[in-house]
N, C-alpha and C. Protein backbone atom coordinates (compact mmCIF):
# COMPACT_ATOMS: atom_id res chain seq x y z
N MET A 1 -7.69 8.92 -67.34
CA MET A 1 -8.54 8.05 -66.28
C MET A 1 -9.55 7.12 -66.88
N SER A 2 -9.39 5.92 -66.33
CA SER A 2 -10.15 4.59 -66.71
C SER A 2 -11.33 4.55 -66.13
N ASN A 3 -12.36 3.79 -66.87
CA ASN A 3 -13.76 3.80 -66.19
C ASN A 3 -13.71 2.42 -65.42
N THR A 4 -12.63 1.83 -65.52
CA THR A 4 -12.70 0.15 -64.87
C THR A 4 -12.90 0.64 -63.34
N ALA A 5 -13.27 -0.30 -62.56
CA ALA A 5 -13.52 -0.54 -61.05
C ALA A 5 -12.14 -1.13 -60.61
N GLU A 6 -11.75 -0.68 -59.50
CA GLU A 6 -10.61 -1.33 -59.12
C GLU A 6 -11.08 -2.58 -58.48
N VAL A 7 -10.50 -3.51 -58.22
CA VAL A 7 -10.67 -4.75 -57.71
C VAL A 7 -9.86 -4.75 -56.32
N ILE A 8 -10.91 -5.11 -55.29
CA ILE A 8 -10.24 -5.25 -53.84
C ILE A 8 -9.97 -6.67 -53.71
N ASN A 9 -8.91 -6.98 -53.40
CA ASN A 9 -8.34 -8.30 -53.12
C ASN A 9 -9.02 -8.82 -51.67
N PRO A 10 -10.11 -9.81 -51.60
CA PRO A 10 -10.84 -10.00 -50.38
C PRO A 10 -9.53 -10.53 -49.20
N VAL A 11 -8.75 -10.81 -49.58
CA VAL A 11 -7.64 -10.99 -48.21
C VAL A 11 -7.24 -10.04 -47.57
N GLU A 12 -6.77 -8.91 -48.40
CA GLU A 12 -6.31 -7.72 -48.11
C GLU A 12 -7.38 -6.99 -47.46
N LEU A 13 -8.48 -7.17 -47.76
CA LEU A 13 -9.63 -6.47 -47.20
C LEU A 13 -9.98 -6.90 -45.52
N GLY A 14 -10.04 -8.33 -45.57
CA GLY A 14 -10.08 -8.93 -44.59
C GLY A 14 -8.93 -8.70 -43.42
N ASN A 15 -8.03 -8.62 -43.92
CA ASN A 15 -6.56 -8.08 -42.82
C ASN A 15 -6.89 -6.80 -42.64
N ALA A 16 -7.28 -5.75 -43.24
CA ALA A 16 -7.70 -4.68 -43.08
C ALA A 16 -8.47 -4.43 -41.73
N VAL A 17 -9.68 -5.01 -42.00
CA VAL A 17 -10.69 -5.10 -40.95
C VAL A 17 -10.37 -5.77 -39.72
N LYS A 18 -9.67 -6.82 -39.67
CA LYS A 18 -8.80 -7.52 -38.51
C LYS A 18 -8.42 -6.28 -37.72
N ILE A 19 -7.14 -5.43 -38.46
CA ILE A 19 -6.39 -4.48 -37.80
C ILE A 19 -7.30 -3.49 -37.10
N ALA A 20 -8.20 -3.02 -38.09
CA ALA A 20 -9.36 -1.98 -37.51
C ALA A 20 -9.91 -2.47 -36.20
N VAL A 21 -10.23 -3.54 -36.12
CA VAL A 21 -10.95 -4.32 -35.08
C VAL A 21 -10.09 -4.30 -33.78
N GLY A 22 -8.77 -4.86 -34.10
CA GLY A 22 -7.93 -4.94 -33.05
C GLY A 22 -7.57 -3.43 -32.54
N ALA A 23 -7.34 -2.58 -33.29
CA ALA A 23 -7.07 -1.24 -33.02
C ALA A 23 -8.18 -0.72 -31.84
N ILE A 24 -9.26 -0.97 -32.29
CA ILE A 24 -10.60 -0.37 -31.61
C ILE A 24 -10.72 -1.02 -30.37
N THR A 25 -10.36 -2.20 -30.19
CA THR A 25 -10.51 -3.25 -29.23
C THR A 25 -9.31 -2.79 -28.02
N ALA A 26 -8.50 -2.54 -28.69
CA ALA A 26 -7.32 -2.03 -27.69
C ALA A 26 -7.51 -0.71 -27.21
N GLY A 27 -8.12 0.15 -27.78
CA GLY A 27 -8.65 1.42 -27.27
C GLY A 27 -9.60 1.11 -26.45
N LEU A 28 -10.58 0.30 -26.47
CA LEU A 28 -11.94 0.26 -25.49
C LEU A 28 -10.89 -0.21 -24.12
N PHE A 29 -10.19 -1.36 -24.24
CA PHE A 29 -9.29 -2.09 -23.16
C PHE A 29 -8.68 -1.17 -22.31
N THR A 30 -8.08 -0.08 -23.08
CA THR A 30 -7.07 0.92 -22.57
C THR A 30 -7.91 1.76 -21.82
N TYR A 31 -9.13 2.20 -22.35
CA TYR A 31 -10.11 3.18 -21.70
C TYR A 31 -10.89 2.45 -20.55
N TYR A 32 -11.22 1.05 -20.51
CA TYR A 32 -11.68 0.58 -19.37
C TYR A 32 -10.90 0.46 -18.19
N PHE A 33 -9.59 0.12 -18.72
CA PHE A 33 -8.77 0.01 -17.45
C PHE A 33 -8.09 1.13 -16.87
N TYR A 34 -8.12 2.06 -17.60
CA TYR A 34 -7.66 3.46 -17.08
C TYR A 34 -8.96 3.97 -16.10
N THR A 35 -10.04 3.92 -16.59
CA THR A 35 -11.43 4.27 -15.86
C THR A 35 -11.45 3.54 -14.33
N LYS A 36 -11.38 2.31 -14.75
CA LYS A 36 -11.42 1.10 -13.64
C LYS A 36 -10.31 1.47 -12.40
N TYR A 37 -9.23 1.67 -13.05
CA TYR A 37 -8.17 1.64 -12.02
C TYR A 37 -7.13 2.81 -11.74
N THR A 38 -8.15 3.90 -11.84
CA THR A 38 -7.48 5.24 -11.61
C THR A 38 -8.72 5.84 -11.20
N LYS A 39 -8.43 7.24 -10.26
CA LYS A 39 -9.48 7.86 -9.68
C LYS A 39 -10.49 8.61 -10.80
N LYS A 40 -9.60 8.92 -12.04
CA LYS A 40 -10.50 9.54 -13.04
C LYS A 40 -11.68 8.72 -13.47
N SER A 41 -12.55 9.39 -13.80
CA SER A 41 -13.74 8.61 -14.52
C SER A 41 -14.30 9.77 -15.69
N ALA A 42 -14.84 8.97 -16.51
CA ALA A 42 -15.40 10.04 -17.68
C ALA A 42 -16.14 11.19 -16.80
N GLY A 43 -16.80 11.42 -16.06
CA GLY A 43 -17.27 12.44 -15.11
C GLY A 43 -16.43 13.32 -14.60
N ALA A 44 -15.34 12.94 -14.03
CA ALA A 44 -14.31 13.60 -13.66
C ALA A 44 -13.44 14.18 -14.45
N GLN A 45 -13.31 13.93 -15.92
CA GLN A 45 -12.62 14.47 -16.50
C GLN A 45 -13.24 15.59 -17.21
N ILE A 46 -14.71 15.50 -17.19
CA ILE A 46 -15.53 16.49 -17.77
C ILE A 46 -15.74 17.51 -16.97
N CYS A 47 -16.37 17.33 -15.66
CA CYS A 47 -16.56 17.99 -14.62
C CYS A 47 -15.32 18.73 -13.97
N PRO A 48 -15.10 20.11 -13.90
CA PRO A 48 -13.88 20.43 -13.00
C PRO A 48 -14.29 20.00 -11.65
N MET A 49 -12.89 19.62 -10.90
CA MET A 49 -13.31 19.32 -9.30
C MET A 49 -12.40 20.29 -8.69
N LYS A 50 -12.92 20.25 -7.41
CA LYS A 50 -12.04 21.32 -6.73
C LYS A 50 -10.47 20.82 -6.45
N LYS A 51 -9.80 21.75 -6.14
CA LYS A 51 -8.17 21.33 -5.77
C LYS A 51 -8.27 19.87 -4.83
N SER A 52 -7.45 19.09 -5.01
CA SER A 52 -7.11 17.85 -4.13
C SER A 52 -6.85 18.42 -2.68
N LEU A 53 -7.28 17.40 -1.81
CA LEU A 53 -6.72 17.88 -0.38
C LEU A 53 -5.13 17.73 -0.29
N ASN A 54 -4.59 17.03 -1.21
CA ASN A 54 -2.96 17.06 -1.26
C ASN A 54 -2.61 18.23 -1.76
N ALA A 55 -3.00 19.06 -2.50
CA ALA A 55 -2.57 20.44 -3.34
C ALA A 55 -2.87 21.38 -2.18
N ARG A 56 -4.38 21.23 -1.42
CA ARG A 56 -4.34 22.10 -0.22
C ARG A 56 -3.69 22.08 1.06
N LEU A 57 -3.08 20.90 1.08
CA LEU A 57 -2.22 20.87 2.26
C LEU A 57 -0.77 21.37 1.81
N GLY A 58 -0.54 21.42 0.63
CA GLY A 58 0.83 22.36 0.25
C GLY A 58 1.41 21.41 -0.63
N GLY A 59 0.79 20.17 -1.06
CA GLY A 59 1.48 19.32 -2.26
C GLY A 59 2.18 18.41 -1.47
N ASP A 60 2.94 17.26 -2.50
CA ASP A 60 3.71 16.12 -2.18
C ASP A 60 4.84 16.76 -1.07
N GLU A 61 5.55 17.99 -1.06
CA GLU A 61 6.60 18.11 -0.27
C GLU A 61 6.03 18.23 1.15
N VAL A 62 5.04 18.79 1.47
CA VAL A 62 4.27 19.05 2.93
C VAL A 62 4.00 17.69 3.23
N VAL A 63 3.28 16.79 2.17
CA VAL A 63 2.82 15.62 2.78
C VAL A 63 3.98 14.62 3.19
N ALA A 64 5.12 14.49 2.37
CA ALA A 64 6.24 13.90 2.80
C ALA A 64 6.86 14.38 3.95
N LYS A 65 7.01 15.72 4.29
CA LYS A 65 7.55 16.06 5.36
C LYS A 65 6.63 15.57 6.74
N ALA A 66 5.36 15.98 6.31
CA ALA A 66 4.43 15.53 7.53
C ALA A 66 4.73 13.77 7.88
N THR A 67 4.90 13.04 6.84
CA THR A 67 5.02 11.79 6.94
C THR A 67 6.40 11.28 7.79
N LYS A 68 7.60 12.05 7.45
CA LYS A 68 8.51 11.98 7.92
C LYS A 68 8.81 12.18 9.49
N SER A 69 8.09 13.45 9.96
CA SER A 69 7.82 13.97 11.21
C SER A 69 6.90 12.64 12.06
N PHE A 70 5.74 12.16 11.43
CA PHE A 70 4.82 11.27 11.77
C PHE A 70 5.80 10.32 12.38
N TYR A 71 6.66 9.57 11.58
CA TYR A 71 7.16 8.37 11.72
C TYR A 71 8.16 8.64 12.92
N ALA A 72 8.73 9.59 13.27
CA ALA A 72 9.64 10.17 14.04
C ALA A 72 9.05 10.03 15.50
N LYS A 73 7.51 10.20 15.51
CA LYS A 73 6.63 10.21 16.67
C LYS A 73 6.63 8.68 16.94
N VAL A 74 6.01 7.98 15.85
CA VAL A 74 5.58 6.73 16.10
C VAL A 74 6.79 5.82 16.53
N LEU A 75 7.81 6.19 15.88
CA LEU A 75 9.20 5.23 16.55
C LEU A 75 9.21 5.59 18.19
N LYS A 76 9.12 6.58 18.93
CA LYS A 76 9.18 7.27 19.90
C LYS A 76 8.15 6.59 21.08
N ASP A 77 6.99 5.93 20.32
CA ASP A 77 5.90 5.48 21.32
C ASP A 77 6.10 3.79 21.64
N GLU A 78 5.99 3.63 22.78
CA GLU A 78 6.51 2.15 23.06
C GLU A 78 5.47 1.31 22.50
N THR A 79 4.07 1.52 22.38
CA THR A 79 3.07 0.62 22.08
C THR A 79 2.93 0.61 20.46
N LEU A 80 3.61 1.42 19.56
CA LEU A 80 3.47 1.40 18.12
C LEU A 80 4.85 1.07 17.53
N LYS A 81 5.86 1.31 18.37
CA LYS A 81 7.24 0.84 17.58
C LYS A 81 7.55 -0.40 17.40
N PRO A 82 6.99 -1.46 18.40
CA PRO A 82 7.05 -2.82 17.69
C PRO A 82 6.45 -3.23 16.51
N PHE A 83 5.75 -2.67 15.98
CA PHE A 83 5.33 -2.75 14.67
C PHE A 83 6.14 -2.59 13.30
N PHE A 84 7.10 -1.87 13.76
CA PHE A 84 8.36 -1.49 12.83
C PHE A 84 9.72 -1.79 13.23
N LYS A 85 9.85 -2.72 13.92
CA LYS A 85 10.96 -3.71 14.18
C LYS A 85 11.58 -4.36 13.11
N ASN A 86 12.74 -4.32 12.62
CA ASN A 86 13.38 -4.91 11.48
C ASN A 86 12.78 -4.44 10.16
N VAL A 87 11.94 -3.10 10.29
CA VAL A 87 11.62 -2.37 8.90
C VAL A 87 12.41 -1.43 8.56
N ASP A 88 13.02 -1.34 7.23
CA ASP A 88 13.54 -0.37 6.79
C ASP A 88 12.86 0.82 6.45
N MET A 89 13.32 1.64 7.56
CA MET A 89 12.14 3.07 7.75
C MET A 89 12.51 4.11 6.58
N ALA A 90 13.33 3.99 6.09
CA ALA A 90 13.47 5.00 4.71
C ALA A 90 12.60 4.45 3.65
N LYS A 91 12.26 2.95 3.46
CA LYS A 91 11.64 2.63 2.37
C LYS A 91 10.05 2.67 2.88
N GLN A 92 9.80 2.49 4.18
CA GLN A 92 8.55 2.51 4.70
C GLN A 92 8.17 4.00 4.74
N THR A 93 8.91 4.98 4.87
CA THR A 93 8.23 6.55 4.95
C THR A 93 8.20 6.70 3.46
N LYS A 94 8.89 6.44 2.65
CA LYS A 94 8.75 6.62 1.20
C LYS A 94 7.19 5.91 0.94
N LYS A 95 7.04 4.70 1.24
CA LYS A 95 5.81 3.98 0.82
C LYS A 95 4.52 4.84 1.25
N GLN A 96 4.85 5.14 2.49
CA GLN A 96 3.65 5.82 3.49
C GLN A 96 3.38 7.05 2.64
N THR A 97 4.59 7.84 2.21
CA THR A 97 4.15 9.17 1.61
C THR A 97 3.86 9.00 0.55
N ASP A 98 4.28 7.94 -0.46
CA ASP A 98 3.39 7.77 -1.72
C ASP A 98 1.89 7.41 -1.51
N PHE A 99 1.61 6.50 -0.43
CA PHE A 99 0.12 6.47 -0.39
C PHE A 99 -0.53 7.48 0.21
N ASN A 100 -0.12 8.36 0.94
CA ASN A 100 -0.57 9.40 1.49
C ASN A 100 -1.00 10.32 0.16
N ILE A 101 0.13 10.67 -0.40
CA ILE A 101 -0.25 11.51 -1.46
C ILE A 101 -1.29 11.08 -2.55
N PHE A 102 -1.47 9.60 -2.60
CA PHE A 102 -2.38 8.93 -3.29
C PHE A 102 -4.02 9.26 -2.60
N ALA A 103 -4.11 8.70 -1.33
CA ALA A 103 -5.04 8.84 -0.44
C ALA A 103 -5.43 10.51 -0.46
N PHE A 104 -4.60 11.26 -0.68
CA PHE A 104 -5.11 12.82 -0.71
C PHE A 104 -5.65 13.29 -1.80
N GLY A 105 -5.19 12.59 -2.76
CA GLY A 105 -5.78 12.89 -4.27
C GLY A 105 -4.69 13.81 -5.06
N GLY A 106 -3.35 13.46 -4.63
CA GLY A 106 -2.64 14.05 -5.47
C GLY A 106 -1.58 13.35 -6.59
N SER A 107 -2.32 11.99 -6.63
CA SER A 107 -1.75 10.84 -7.41
C SER A 107 -3.03 10.26 -8.12
N GLU A 108 -2.94 9.48 -9.11
CA GLU A 108 -4.14 9.02 -9.69
C GLU A 108 -3.93 7.59 -9.39
N LYS A 109 -2.81 6.97 -9.09
CA LYS A 109 -2.73 5.51 -9.07
C LYS A 109 -1.82 5.01 -7.72
N TRP A 110 -2.09 4.20 -7.16
CA TRP A 110 -1.43 3.26 -5.82
C TRP A 110 -0.75 2.28 -6.67
N TYR A 111 0.58 2.23 -6.51
CA TYR A 111 1.37 1.18 -7.01
C TYR A 111 1.54 -0.13 -5.92
N GLY A 112 1.44 0.38 -4.50
CA GLY A 112 1.88 -0.82 -3.48
C GLY A 112 0.52 -1.72 -3.45
N ARG A 113 1.19 -2.35 -2.30
CA ARG A 113 0.19 -3.61 -2.07
C ARG A 113 -1.36 -3.31 -1.43
N LYS A 114 -2.11 -3.95 -1.29
CA LYS A 114 -3.50 -3.78 -0.75
C LYS A 114 -3.15 -3.47 0.71
N LEU A 115 -4.11 -2.49 1.34
CA LEU A 115 -3.87 -2.26 2.70
C LEU A 115 -4.10 -3.43 3.62
N THR A 116 -5.08 -4.26 2.98
CA THR A 116 -5.71 -5.58 3.65
C THR A 116 -4.46 -6.64 3.62
N GLU A 117 -3.75 -6.69 2.70
CA GLU A 117 -2.57 -7.40 2.68
C GLU A 117 -1.63 -7.38 3.60
N VAL A 118 -1.17 -6.00 3.64
CA VAL A 118 -0.12 -5.33 4.44
C VAL A 118 -0.63 -5.64 5.81
N HIS A 119 -1.68 -5.33 6.29
CA HIS A 119 -2.09 -5.02 7.75
C HIS A 119 -2.52 -6.34 8.28
N LYS A 120 -2.93 -7.42 7.44
CA LYS A 120 -3.33 -8.65 7.93
C LYS A 120 -2.78 -9.17 8.95
N TYR A 121 -1.86 -9.41 9.33
CA TYR A 121 -1.35 -10.14 10.38
C TYR A 121 -0.47 -9.36 11.41
N MET A 122 -0.90 -8.11 11.29
CA MET A 122 0.03 -6.97 12.17
C MET A 122 -0.79 -7.08 13.76
N GLY A 123 -1.73 -7.38 13.67
CA GLY A 123 -2.74 -7.14 15.00
C GLY A 123 -2.88 -5.66 15.45
N VAL A 124 -3.21 -4.67 14.33
CA VAL A 124 -3.63 -3.40 14.61
C VAL A 124 -4.86 -3.06 15.39
N SER A 125 -4.90 -2.61 16.46
CA SER A 125 -6.20 -2.38 17.17
C SER A 125 -6.48 -0.87 16.87
N ASN A 126 -7.94 -0.71 17.45
CA ASN A 126 -8.38 0.89 17.23
C ASN A 126 -7.52 1.92 17.92
N ALA A 127 -7.23 1.49 19.37
CA ALA A 127 -6.26 2.30 19.73
C ALA A 127 -5.10 2.56 19.12
N ASN A 128 -4.31 1.45 18.24
CA ASN A 128 -3.19 1.75 17.73
C ASN A 128 -3.46 2.64 16.67
N PHE A 129 -4.73 2.58 15.63
CA PHE A 129 -5.05 3.48 14.71
C PHE A 129 -5.11 4.84 15.15
N ASP A 130 -6.00 5.03 16.57
CA ASP A 130 -6.06 6.26 16.90
C ASP A 130 -4.95 7.10 17.12
N LYS A 131 -3.97 6.44 17.77
CA LYS A 131 -2.43 6.91 18.07
C LYS A 131 -2.06 7.22 16.63
N VAL A 132 -2.07 6.54 15.87
CA VAL A 132 -1.17 6.98 14.56
C VAL A 132 -1.84 7.91 13.86
N GLY A 133 -3.44 8.16 14.00
CA GLY A 133 -3.98 9.32 13.37
C GLY A 133 -3.53 10.65 14.41
N GLU A 134 -3.46 10.49 15.61
CA GLU A 134 -3.00 11.82 16.33
C GLU A 134 -1.67 12.22 16.03
N TYR A 135 -0.79 11.21 15.86
CA TYR A 135 0.64 11.90 15.52
C TYR A 135 0.49 12.23 14.05
N PHE A 136 -0.17 11.82 13.25
CA PHE A 136 -0.19 12.45 11.78
C PHE A 136 -0.75 13.67 11.64
N SER A 137 -1.34 13.95 12.62
CA SER A 137 -2.38 15.46 12.77
C SER A 137 -1.40 16.10 13.56
N GLU A 138 -0.78 15.82 14.53
CA GLU A 138 0.25 16.35 15.25
C GLU A 138 1.40 17.11 14.38
N SER A 139 1.81 16.16 13.53
CA SER A 139 2.82 16.56 12.32
C SER A 139 2.11 17.62 11.57
N LEU A 140 1.33 17.51 11.18
CA LEU A 140 0.59 18.53 10.20
C LEU A 140 0.45 19.65 10.81
N ARG A 141 0.05 20.02 12.27
CA ARG A 141 -0.07 21.22 12.84
C ARG A 141 1.48 21.75 13.03
N GLU A 142 2.37 20.96 13.30
CA GLU A 142 3.56 21.53 13.19
C GLU A 142 4.08 22.19 11.90
N LEU A 143 3.57 21.63 10.99
CA LEU A 143 3.56 22.27 9.52
C LEU A 143 2.95 23.57 9.24
N GLY A 144 2.04 23.99 10.30
CA GLY A 144 1.46 24.92 10.08
C GLY A 144 -0.11 24.69 9.28
N VAL A 145 -0.63 23.48 9.20
CA VAL A 145 -1.70 23.21 8.35
C VAL A 145 -2.91 23.50 9.12
N SER A 146 -3.79 24.03 8.55
CA SER A 146 -5.20 24.50 9.28
C SER A 146 -5.90 23.38 9.75
N GLU A 147 -6.35 23.76 10.82
CA GLU A 147 -7.26 22.71 11.68
C GLU A 147 -8.71 22.18 10.71
N ASP A 148 -8.99 22.84 9.67
CA ASP A 148 -10.13 22.54 8.89
C ASP A 148 -9.32 21.45 7.83
N LEU A 149 -8.15 21.78 7.54
CA LEU A 149 -7.57 20.62 6.40
C LEU A 149 -7.14 19.62 7.42
N ILE A 150 -6.72 19.47 8.53
CA ILE A 150 -6.27 18.42 9.61
C ILE A 150 -7.62 17.54 9.68
N ARG A 151 -8.87 18.21 10.11
CA ARG A 151 -10.15 17.51 10.02
C ARG A 151 -10.43 16.60 8.67
N GLU A 152 -10.16 17.25 7.54
CA GLU A 152 -10.18 16.65 6.22
C GLU A 152 -9.36 15.25 6.02
N VAL A 153 -8.00 15.64 6.51
CA VAL A 153 -7.28 14.39 6.64
C VAL A 153 -7.63 13.12 7.59
N GLU A 154 -8.26 13.56 8.53
CA GLU A 154 -8.63 12.70 9.66
C GLU A 154 -9.99 12.25 9.14
N GLN A 155 -10.67 12.43 8.48
CA GLN A 155 -11.68 12.14 7.78
C GLN A 155 -11.41 11.21 6.65
N CYS A 156 -10.48 11.50 5.99
CA CYS A 156 -9.98 10.66 4.77
C CYS A 156 -9.22 9.41 5.28
N ASN A 157 -8.62 9.36 6.47
CA ASN A 157 -7.75 8.51 7.07
C ASN A 157 -8.97 7.50 7.63
N GLU A 158 -9.94 7.96 8.31
CA GLU A 158 -10.92 7.05 9.06
C GLU A 158 -11.49 6.06 7.78
N LYS A 159 -11.44 6.40 6.74
CA LYS A 159 -11.96 5.54 5.68
C LYS A 159 -11.31 4.44 5.64
N TYR A 160 -10.25 4.12 6.15
CA TYR A 160 -9.16 3.07 6.26
C TYR A 160 -9.31 2.26 7.36
N ARG A 161 -10.15 3.00 8.10
CA ARG A 161 -9.94 2.03 9.52
C ARG A 161 -10.32 0.45 9.54
N SER A 162 -11.50 0.44 8.62
CA SER A 162 -11.82 -1.05 8.45
C SER A 162 -10.88 -2.27 7.77
N VAL A 163 -9.63 -1.54 7.15
CA VAL A 163 -9.06 -2.36 6.41
C VAL A 163 -7.69 -2.60 7.24
N VAL A 164 -7.47 -1.56 8.06
CA VAL A 164 -6.23 -1.77 8.80
C VAL A 164 -6.37 -2.18 10.22
N VAL A 165 -7.38 -2.14 10.98
CA VAL A 165 -7.76 -2.66 12.31
C VAL A 165 -7.82 -4.10 12.15
N THR A 166 -7.36 -4.91 12.69
CA THR A 166 -7.32 -6.24 12.49
C THR A 166 -7.65 -6.98 13.73
N ILE A 167 -7.78 -6.22 14.85
CA ILE A 167 -8.08 -6.85 15.99
C ILE A 167 -8.95 -5.96 16.76
N GLN A 168 -10.14 -6.22 17.83
CA GLN A 168 -11.11 -5.27 18.32
C GLN A 168 -10.49 -5.06 19.77
C-alpha cells in the first residue's frame, strides 16, 4: 500500500458532478410532472384512500357497459342525436368510457382533449346536460348499481357542467 494521495483529474471530477446534477434534476422534473399531471400527490401516496368510485361501481367493465348502454339511449333521443351526426360512435364510446373511468378514479391520467375544447362549439345547454346525466344514471340502474353510487356518479358528473354547457 502506498502512502501517496491519488490525484483527481479536475475535468473528470467536473464531468462527474455534471452527471450527478443532471440525474438529480431529471428526477425532480419527473416527480414534479408526475404529481402535477396525475391524481396522485405525495399525500395520496402516503395516506390510504377508500376504493375509487370506479372500483365501487364494479370496475372498468361495468363502466364500459354503462357507457355503451348510455349511447344507445342518447342516439334514440331526437334532441341529443344531432350532436353525434357524422361521429364514429365506436371511437366515441371508447373515448367516453376512458374518460368515465378516469373521472371515477379508475385511471390516473386522461389522455384525451380538454373538455372545454371538445364542447366549445357544440352548443350544449343545461337541458342537454341534464338529459345526458339521466341516461347515464338509467344505464347504471339497468346494471344493478345502487342508488347511493348513482348519486355519487351524478355528483361527479355535475362538476363538469361548467365546461360542457356552452349555452344557457
